[in-house]
Amino acid sequence: MLVNEGVDIVTVSGALGHSTVSTTSNIYCHLLENSQAKVSEAITNVLKISPSDGSASDSNAAETADKNEAS
């Protein structure tokens, strides 16, 4: 589906001729779960969160500590 290729749901909804975005999301909700998983993975990669313990990497923790000390 287009959402899985990076097209936003509003654009997809309009292209399909749906009167509301909720119509599109209700029909294709099973496919949207795939996109949500990709977003979660991207956020994890950007924040460098360890999936096993949920903690930020040492470099991110050090940056946060430095910012807190500077305040």
Protein backbone atom coordinates (compact mmCIF):
# COMPACT_ATOMS: atom_id res chain seq x y z
CA MET A 1 0.00 0.00 0.00
CA LEU A 2 1.07 3.59 -0.56
CA VAL A 3 1.36 4.33 3.16
CA ASN A 4 3.97 1.61 3.46
CA GLU A 5 5.88 3.41 0.70
CA GLY A 6 5.92 6.66 2.67
CA VAL A 7 2.83 8.41 1.27
CA ASP A 8 0.78 10.04 4.02
CA ILE A 9 -2.69 8.66 4.75
CA VAL A 10 -4.46 11.93 3.79
CA THR A 11 -2.97 11.80 0.28
CA VAL A 12 -3.82 8.11 -0.08
CA SER A 13 -7.38 8.76 1.09
CA GLY A 14 -7.85 11.52 -1.49
CA ALA A 15 -6.33 9.45 -4.28
CA LEU A 16 -8.73 6.61 -3.52
CA GLY A 17 -11.69 8.98 -3.50
CA HIS A 18 -12.63 8.40 0.13
CA SER A 19 -14.64 11.21 1.71
CA THR A 20 -12.78 10.92 5.03
CA VAL A 21 -9.39 9.66 6.17
CA SER A 22 -11.12 7.44 8.71
CA THR A 23 -12.71 5.50 5.84
CA THR A 24 -9.27 4.74 4.45
CA SER A 25 -7.79 3.83 7.82
CA ASN A 26 -10.76 1.60 8.68
CA ILE A 27 -10.52 -0.30 5.40
CA TYR A 28 -6.74 -0.65 5.40
CA CYS A 29 -6.00 -0.75 9.15
CA HIS A 30 -4.29 -4.14 8.89
CA LEU A 31 -1.80 -2.63 6.44
CA LEU A 32 -1.25 0.47 8.58
CA GLU A 33 0.06 -1.71 11.41
CA ASN A 34 3.05 -2.44 9.17
CA SER A 35 3.76 1.27 8.87
CA GLN A 36 3.47 1.75 12.62
CA ALA A 37 6.07 -0.97 13.14
CA LYS A 38 8.40 0.79 10.68
CA VAL A 39 7.93 4.10 12.50
CA SER A 40 8.70 2.48 15.85
CA GLU A 41 11.85 0.94 14.41
CA ALA A 42 12.92 4.27 12.89
CA ILE A 43 12.40 6.08 16.20
CA THR A 44 14.40 3.42 18.01
CA ASN A 45 17.23 3.81 15.49
CA VAL A 46 17.22 7.60 15.70
CA LEU A 47 17.19 7.63 19.49
CA LYS A 48 19.52 4.63 19.66
CA ILE A 49 17.33 2.92 22.23
CA SER A 50 18.28 -0.60 23.14
CA PRO A 51 15.22 -2.80 22.44
CA SER A 52 16.19 -5.18 25.26
CA ASP A 53 16.14 -2.67 28.13
CA GLY A 54 14.62 0.51 26.69
CA SER A 55 17.55 2.64 27.82
CA ALA A 56 19.30 5.21 25.67
CA SER A 57 22.81 4.48 24.46
CA ASP A 58 25.77 5.68 26.51
CA SER A 59 26.45 8.59 24.14
CA ASN A 60 22.86 9.82 24.42
CA ALA A 61 22.93 9.44 28.20
CA ALA A 62 26.19 11.40 28.37
CA GLU A 63 24.74 14.19 26.24
CA THR A 64 21.71 14.39 28.51
CA ALA A 65 23.91 14.50 31.61
CA ASP A 66 26.02 17.27 30.08
CA LYS A 67 22.91 19.31 29.28
CA ASN A 68 21.58 18.83 32.81
CA GLU A 69 24.88 19.94 34.34
CA ALA A 70 24.94 23.05 32.15
CA SER A 71 21.45 24.09 33.31
